[in-house]
Amino acid sequence: MLMLGGALLTGATGYFTRTGPTAVQFLAMGVVGLLCIFGLAYFDHRTEPRDENGS
């Protein structure tokens, strides 16, 4: 579900920057895509089950 949301957010960024220069569109989509990837990695890290010895 999170990956779908990130893809939709990246696609929406491309849609809303479609009238600008191509370089700006690629940069905006790249930044949003990277933020979504880091957000997913952070969420995955926070929800990963831990064993009792803390590792």
Protein backbone atom coordinates (compact mmCIF):
# COMPACT_ATOMS: atom_id res chain seq x y z
CA MET A 1 0.00 0.00 0.00
CA LEU A 2 2.85 2.35 0.81
CA MET A 3 4.58 1.60 -2.47
CA LEU A 4 1.38 2.31 -4.37
CA GLY A 5 1.01 5.61 -2.53
CA GLY A 6 4.58 6.56 -3.37
CA ALA A 7 4.05 5.70 -7.03
CA LEU A 8 0.86 7.76 -7.13
CA LEU A 9 2.61 10.69 -5.44
CA THR A 10 5.50 10.52 -7.91
CA GLY A 11 3.07 10.30 -10.82
CA ALA A 12 1.09 13.26 -9.51
CA THR A 13 4.32 15.24 -9.29
CA GLY A 14 5.01 14.46 -12.93
CA TYR A 15 1.47 15.42 -13.87
CA PHE A 16 1.56 18.76 -12.06
CA THR A 17 4.99 19.68 -13.45
CA ARG A 18 4.13 18.69 -17.03
CA THR A 19 3.98 22.29 -18.27
CA GLY A 20 7.49 23.09 -17.03
CA PRO A 21 10.78 22.23 -18.65
CA THR A 22 11.59 18.53 -18.90
CA ALA A 23 14.65 18.90 -16.66
CA VAL A 24 12.51 20.39 -13.90
CA GLN A 25 9.97 17.59 -14.25
CA PHE A 26 12.67 14.91 -14.04
CA LEU A 27 14.29 16.60 -11.06
CA ALA A 28 10.98 16.99 -9.19
CA MET A 29 9.95 13.40 -9.88
CA GLY A 30 13.39 12.14 -8.86
CA VAL A 31 13.33 14.02 -5.57
CA VAL A 32 9.80 12.87 -4.74
CA GLY A 33 10.67 9.30 -5.75
CA LEU A 34 13.73 9.29 -3.50
CA LEU A 35 11.74 10.71 -0.60
CA CYS A 36 9.17 7.94 -1.05
CA ILE A 37 11.92 5.30 -1.10
CA PHE A 38 13.49 6.67 2.08
CA GLY A 39 10.04 6.91 3.69
CA LEU A 40 9.32 3.27 2.88
CA ALA A 41 12.73 2.20 4.20
CA TYR A 42 12.16 4.15 7.43
CA PHE A 43 8.69 2.64 7.88
CA ASP A 44 10.06 -0.85 7.20
CA HIS A 45 12.85 -0.30 9.74
CA ARG A 46 10.44 0.96 12.40
CA THR A 47 7.99 -1.92 11.98
CA GLU A 48 10.58 -4.71 11.80
CA PRO A 49 10.15 -7.15 14.68
CA ARG A 50 13.05 -7.21 17.12
CA ASP A 51 14.17 -10.11 19.27
CA GLU A 52 14.64 -9.79 23.01
CA ASN A 53 18.41 -9.21 23.04
CA GLY A 54 18.02 -5.91 21.15
CA SER A 55 19.62 -6.84 17.84
